[in-house]
Structures are given as structure tokens and as C-alpha cells.
Amino acid sequence: MIQNLIKKFNAKSKAHLLVIFLVFGLSGSFSLWISSPIMAALDLKNILNNYTLYIFFRILIIIPIYQLILIIIASIFGEFQYFWKFEKKLLKRIKIIK
């Protein structure tokens, strides 16, 4: 099973796979943590009375924050090139770059 994950993520080893998962996990946690003060500063909780709309806008704010934090944390762990390829692949899928 670990070998399948190593292949899927193009990891060099088990340790590299662990670093990849660590970067993804930290990026997700930090993006959620940072989105709360941004939402509070925008005062969207009072503007949007509908909880579903509030969650929708929070997700819209989290997505770009996550992408930025992913690259920053990847750089800290020395994995900028790996995650930059990941980012370019994502941007191509959503037709932002060619």
C-alpha cells in the first residue's frame, strides 16, 4: 500500500512521502486558521445571514489562501519544485495558465 502511495505522489522514498503529507496537512490547517480572522475582518458573518452562503464564501477565501500557504510551507521544507509542479498542474486544469 505504501508503495502505491509513493508511486501516486511521485515520492522518492517513504520519508519523502511523509514530508509531502506533512506539507499538505500543515497547509490545510494554516489556511483554515488564517481564514477565520479574514472572515471576521470582512464581517461576512453579519452581512450573510444564511449559514450556507457564509460557508460558500469562506471556501472561496480558503482556496487561494491554501494555494499560497502550500507553496510557502513547501519552500520551508525544501520541496518548492515538487509543489510548484503540483500548482502548475492545478492551474492548467482550471484554465488559468496554458
N, C-alpha and C. Protein backbone atom coordinates (compact mmCIF):
# COMPACT_ATOMS: atom_id res chain seq x y z
N MET A 1 0.82 -1.19 0.00
CA MET A 1 0.00 0.00 0.00
C MET A 1 0.86 1.26 0.00
N ILE A 2 1.90 1.27 0.81
CA ILE A 2 2.80 2.42 0.85
C ILE A 2 3.46 2.61 -0.51
N GLN A 3 3.83 1.53 -1.16
CA GLN A 3 4.46 1.62 -2.47
C GLN A 3 3.51 2.26 -3.49
N ASN A 4 2.22 1.96 -3.38
CA ASN A 4 1.23 2.57 -4.27
C ASN A 4 1.15 4.08 -4.04
N LEU A 5 1.19 4.49 -2.78
CA LEU A 5 1.18 5.92 -2.47
C LEU A 5 2.44 6.61 -2.97
N ILE A 6 3.58 5.95 -2.83
CA ILE A 6 4.84 6.51 -3.31
C ILE A 6 4.76 6.74 -4.82
N LYS A 7 4.20 5.78 -5.54
CA LYS A 7 4.04 5.93 -6.99
C LYS A 7 3.06 7.04 -7.33
N LYS A 8 1.93 7.04 -6.65
CA LYS A 8 0.88 8.02 -6.94
C LYS A 8 1.36 9.45 -6.72
N PHE A 9 2.14 9.67 -5.66
CA PHE A 9 2.62 11.01 -5.34
C PHE A 9 4.00 11.30 -5.92
N ASN A 10 4.54 10.37 -6.70
CA ASN A 10 5.88 10.52 -7.27
C ASN A 10 6.92 10.86 -6.21
N ALA A 11 6.81 10.21 -5.08
CA ALA A 11 7.74 10.42 -3.98
C ALA A 11 9.01 9.59 -4.22
N LYS A 12 10.09 10.06 -3.66
CA LYS A 12 11.37 9.36 -3.83
C LYS A 12 11.55 8.24 -2.82
N SER A 13 10.89 8.38 -1.68
CA SER A 13 11.03 7.38 -0.61
C SER A 13 9.87 7.53 0.37
N LYS A 14 9.87 6.69 1.39
CA LYS A 14 8.85 6.80 2.43
C LYS A 14 8.98 8.11 3.19
N ALA A 15 10.22 8.54 3.43
CA ALA A 15 10.45 9.80 4.13
C ALA A 15 9.95 10.99 3.30
N HIS A 16 10.20 10.91 2.01
CA HIS A 16 9.72 11.99 1.13
C HIS A 16 8.19 12.03 1.11
N LEU A 17 7.57 10.87 1.10
CA LEU A 17 6.11 10.79 1.15
C LEU A 17 5.59 11.41 2.45
N LEU A 18 6.28 11.14 3.55
CA LEU A 18 5.89 11.73 4.84
C LEU A 18 5.98 13.25 4.79
N VAL A 19 7.03 13.78 4.18
CA VAL A 19 7.18 15.24 4.06
C VAL A 19 6.06 15.81 3.20
N ILE A 20 5.72 15.12 2.13
CA ILE A 20 4.63 15.57 1.26
C ILE A 20 3.32 15.65 2.04
N PHE A 21 3.01 14.61 2.79
CA PHE A 21 1.79 14.61 3.60
C PHE A 21 1.84 15.68 4.68
N LEU A 22 3.00 15.88 5.27
CA LEU A 22 3.15 16.91 6.29
C LEU A 22 2.89 18.30 5.71
N VAL A 23 3.43 18.57 4.53
CA VAL A 23 3.21 19.86 3.89
C VAL A 23 1.73 20.06 3.57
N PHE A 24 1.08 19.04 3.01
CA PHE A 24 -0.35 19.15 2.72
C PHE A 24 -1.15 19.38 4.01
N GLY A 25 -0.84 18.65 5.06
CA GLY A 25 -1.56 18.78 6.32
C GLY A 25 -1.38 20.14 6.96
N LEU A 26 -0.15 20.61 7.03
CA LEU A 26 0.12 21.92 7.62
C LEU A 26 -0.52 23.04 6.80
N SER A 27 -0.48 22.91 5.50
CA SER A 27 -1.07 23.93 4.63
C SER A 27 -2.58 24.03 4.86
N GLY A 28 -3.23 22.89 4.94
CA GLY A 28 -4.68 22.90 5.19
C GLY A 28 -5.02 23.49 6.54
N SER A 29 -4.27 23.11 7.55
CA SER A 29 -4.53 23.63 8.90
C SER A 29 -4.31 25.12 8.97
N PHE A 30 -3.18 25.60 8.42
CA PHE A 30 -2.90 27.03 8.46
C PHE A 30 -3.90 27.84 7.65
N SER A 31 -4.33 27.32 6.51
CA SER A 31 -5.29 28.08 5.70
C SER A 31 -6.63 28.22 6.42
N LEU A 32 -7.05 27.18 7.13
CA LEU A 32 -8.28 27.29 7.92
C LEU A 32 -8.10 28.26 9.08
N TRP A 33 -6.95 28.20 9.71
CA TRP A 33 -6.65 29.07 10.85
C TRP A 33 -6.61 30.53 10.43
N ILE A 34 -6.04 30.80 9.26
CA ILE A 34 -5.90 32.18 8.78
C ILE A 34 -7.23 32.70 8.23
N SER A 35 -8.08 31.83 7.73
CA SER A 35 -9.33 32.30 7.13
C SER A 35 -10.28 32.89 8.17
N SER A 36 -10.21 32.45 9.41
CA SER A 36 -11.12 32.99 10.44
C SER A 36 -10.95 34.49 10.66
N PRO A 37 -9.71 34.98 10.88
CA PRO A 37 -9.58 36.43 11.06
C PRO A 37 -9.92 37.22 9.79
N ILE A 38 -9.68 36.63 8.63
CA ILE A 38 -10.04 37.31 7.38
C ILE A 38 -11.56 37.45 7.29
N MET A 39 -12.26 36.38 7.61
CA MET A 39 -13.73 36.43 7.59
C MET A 39 -14.24 37.44 8.62
N ALA A 40 -13.60 37.50 9.78
CA ALA A 40 -14.01 38.45 10.80
C ALA A 40 -13.74 39.88 10.34
N ALA A 41 -12.60 40.11 9.70
CA ALA A 41 -12.27 41.45 9.21
C ALA A 41 -13.25 41.90 8.13
N LEU A 42 -13.68 40.98 7.29
CA LEU A 42 -14.65 41.31 6.25
C LEU A 42 -16.08 41.40 6.80
N ASP A 43 -16.26 40.95 8.03
CA ASP A 43 -17.54 40.97 8.73
C ASP A 43 -18.64 40.26 7.94
N LEU A 44 -18.27 39.15 7.30
CA LEU A 44 -19.23 38.42 6.48
C LEU A 44 -20.29 37.69 7.30
N LYS A 45 -19.98 37.42 8.56
CA LYS A 45 -20.97 36.72 9.39
C LYS A 45 -22.22 37.58 9.59
N ASN A 46 -22.01 38.89 9.72
CA ASN A 46 -23.16 39.80 9.88
C ASN A 46 -23.81 40.15 8.55
N ILE A 47 -23.01 40.18 7.50
CA ILE A 47 -23.54 40.53 6.18
C ILE A 47 -24.36 39.37 5.61
N LEU A 48 -23.83 38.16 5.75
CA LEU A 48 -24.51 36.98 5.22
C LEU A 48 -25.30 36.30 6.32
N ASN A 49 -26.58 36.40 6.27
CA ASN A 49 -27.42 35.79 7.30
C ASN A 49 -27.60 34.30 7.09
N ASN A 50 -27.39 33.85 5.87
CA ASN A 50 -27.54 32.44 5.53
C ASN A 50 -26.22 31.71 5.80
N TYR A 51 -26.26 30.69 6.64
CA TYR A 51 -25.05 29.95 7.00
C TYR A 51 -24.42 29.27 5.79
N THR A 52 -25.25 28.76 4.88
CA THR A 52 -24.74 28.09 3.68
C THR A 52 -23.94 29.07 2.83
N LEU A 53 -24.46 30.28 2.67
CA LEU A 53 -23.73 31.31 1.92
C LEU A 53 -22.42 31.68 2.61
N TYR A 54 -22.46 31.76 3.92
CA TYR A 54 -21.26 32.07 4.69
C TYR A 54 -20.18 31.00 4.45
N ILE A 55 -20.54 29.74 4.52
CA ILE A 55 -19.59 28.65 4.28
C ILE A 55 -19.07 28.70 2.84
N PHE A 56 -19.96 28.98 1.88
CA PHE A 56 -19.55 29.09 0.49
C PHE A 56 -18.47 30.17 0.32
N PHE A 57 -18.70 31.35 0.89
CA PHE A 57 -17.71 32.42 0.78
C PHE A 57 -16.43 32.10 1.54
N ARG A 58 -16.56 31.40 2.64
CA ARG A 58 -15.36 31.01 3.38
C ARG A 58 -14.50 30.06 2.54
N ILE A 59 -15.14 29.12 1.86
CA ILE A 59 -14.41 28.21 0.98
C ILE A 59 -13.74 28.99 -0.15
N LEU A 60 -14.45 29.96 -0.71
CA LEU A 60 -13.87 30.80 -1.77
C LEU A 60 -12.64 31.57 -1.28
N ILE A 61 -12.64 31.93 -0.02
CA ILE A 61 -11.48 32.64 0.55
C ILE A 61 -10.37 31.65 0.87
N ILE A 62 -10.72 30.48 1.34
CA ILE A 62 -9.72 29.48 1.74
C ILE A 62 -8.91 28.97 0.55
N ILE A 63 -9.54 28.79 -0.60
CA ILE A 63 -8.85 28.17 -1.75
C ILE A 63 -7.59 28.94 -2.15
N PRO A 64 -7.65 30.25 -2.41
CA PRO A 64 -6.39 30.93 -2.78
C PRO A 64 -5.39 31.02 -1.62
N ILE A 65 -5.91 31.14 -0.41
CA ILE A 65 -5.01 31.17 0.76
C ILE A 65 -4.26 29.84 0.85
N TYR A 66 -4.97 28.74 0.65
CA TYR A 66 -4.35 27.42 0.70
C TYR A 66 -3.24 27.29 -0.34
N GLN A 67 -3.51 27.75 -1.56
CA GLN A 67 -2.51 27.63 -2.62
C GLN A 67 -1.24 28.41 -2.27
N LEU A 68 -1.41 29.58 -1.73
CA LEU A 68 -0.26 30.40 -1.34
C LEU A 68 0.50 29.77 -0.18
N ILE A 69 -0.22 29.33 0.83
CA ILE A 69 0.42 28.73 2.00
C ILE A 69 1.10 27.41 1.63
N LEU A 70 0.52 26.66 0.71
CA LEU A 70 1.12 25.41 0.26
C LEU A 70 2.52 25.66 -0.30
N ILE A 71 2.67 26.67 -1.12
CA ILE A 71 3.97 26.99 -1.70
C ILE A 71 4.93 27.49 -0.62
N ILE A 72 4.45 28.29 0.31
CA ILE A 72 5.32 28.82 1.38
C ILE A 72 5.83 27.68 2.26
N ILE A 73 4.93 26.82 2.70
CA ILE A 73 5.34 25.71 3.58
C ILE A 73 6.22 24.72 2.82
N ALA A 74 5.90 24.49 1.56
CA ALA A 74 6.74 23.60 0.74
C ALA A 74 8.15 24.16 0.64
N SER A 75 8.28 25.46 0.49
CA SER A 75 9.60 26.09 0.43
C SER A 75 10.36 25.91 1.74
N ILE A 76 9.67 26.05 2.84
CA ILE A 76 10.30 25.87 4.16
C ILE A 76 10.85 24.45 4.30
N PHE A 77 10.11 23.47 3.76
CA PHE A 77 10.54 22.07 3.84
C PHE A 77 11.45 21.66 2.68
N GLY A 78 11.81 22.62 1.82
CA GLY A 78 12.71 22.33 0.72
C GLY A 78 12.05 21.57 -0.42
N GLU A 79 10.76 21.67 -0.55
CA GLU A 79 10.01 20.93 -1.57
C GLU A 79 9.31 21.86 -2.55
N PHE A 80 9.88 23.05 -2.76
CA PHE A 80 9.26 24.03 -3.65
C PHE A 80 9.02 23.46 -5.04
N GLN A 81 10.03 22.83 -5.63
CA GLN A 81 9.91 22.32 -7.01
C GLN A 81 8.78 21.29 -7.12
N TYR A 82 8.69 20.39 -6.17
CA TYR A 82 7.66 19.35 -6.20
C TYR A 82 6.27 19.99 -6.17
N PHE A 83 6.06 20.91 -5.26
CA PHE A 83 4.74 21.51 -5.10
C PHE A 83 4.45 22.56 -6.17
N TRP A 84 5.47 23.16 -6.75
CA TRP A 84 5.25 24.09 -7.84
C TRP A 84 4.70 23.34 -9.05
N LYS A 85 5.22 22.14 -9.29
CA LYS A 85 4.68 21.29 -10.37
C LYS A 85 3.21 20.97 -10.08
N PHE A 86 2.91 20.67 -8.84
CA PHE A 86 1.54 20.38 -8.41
C PHE A 86 0.64 21.59 -8.67
N GLU A 87 1.12 22.79 -8.32
CA GLU A 87 0.36 24.02 -8.52
C GLU A 87 0.12 24.28 -10.00
N LYS A 88 1.16 24.12 -10.82
CA LYS A 88 1.01 24.36 -12.25
C LYS A 88 -0.01 23.40 -12.85
N LYS A 89 0.01 22.16 -12.41
CA LYS A 89 -0.95 21.17 -12.89
C LYS A 89 -2.38 21.60 -12.54
N LEU A 90 -2.58 22.08 -11.32
CA LEU A 90 -3.89 22.56 -10.88
C LEU A 90 -4.33 23.77 -11.69
N LEU A 91 -3.43 24.72 -11.89
CA LEU A 91 -3.77 25.94 -12.63
C LEU A 91 -4.10 25.63 -14.09
N LYS A 92 -3.44 24.63 -14.65
CA LYS A 92 -3.77 24.21 -16.02
C LYS A 92 -5.15 23.58 -16.07
N ARG A 93 -5.49 22.81 -15.06
CA ARG A 93 -6.81 22.16 -15.03
C ARG A 93 -7.95 23.17 -14.96
N ILE A 94 -7.73 24.25 -14.22
CA ILE A 94 -8.80 25.26 -14.10
C ILE A 94 -8.61 26.38 -15.12
N LYS A 95 -7.73 26.13 -16.10
CA LYS A 95 -7.56 27.01 -17.26
C LYS A 95 -7.06 28.42 -16.92
N ILE A 96 -6.25 28.54 -15.87
CA ILE A 96 -5.66 29.84 -15.55
C ILE A 96 -4.38 30.02 -16.34
N ILE A 97 -3.61 28.95 -16.52
CA ILE A 97 -2.42 29.02 -17.36
C ILE A 97 -2.51 27.93 -18.43
N LYS A 98 -1.68 28.11 -19.47
CA LYS A 98 -1.67 27.12 -20.56
C LYS A 98 -0.61 26.09 -20.35
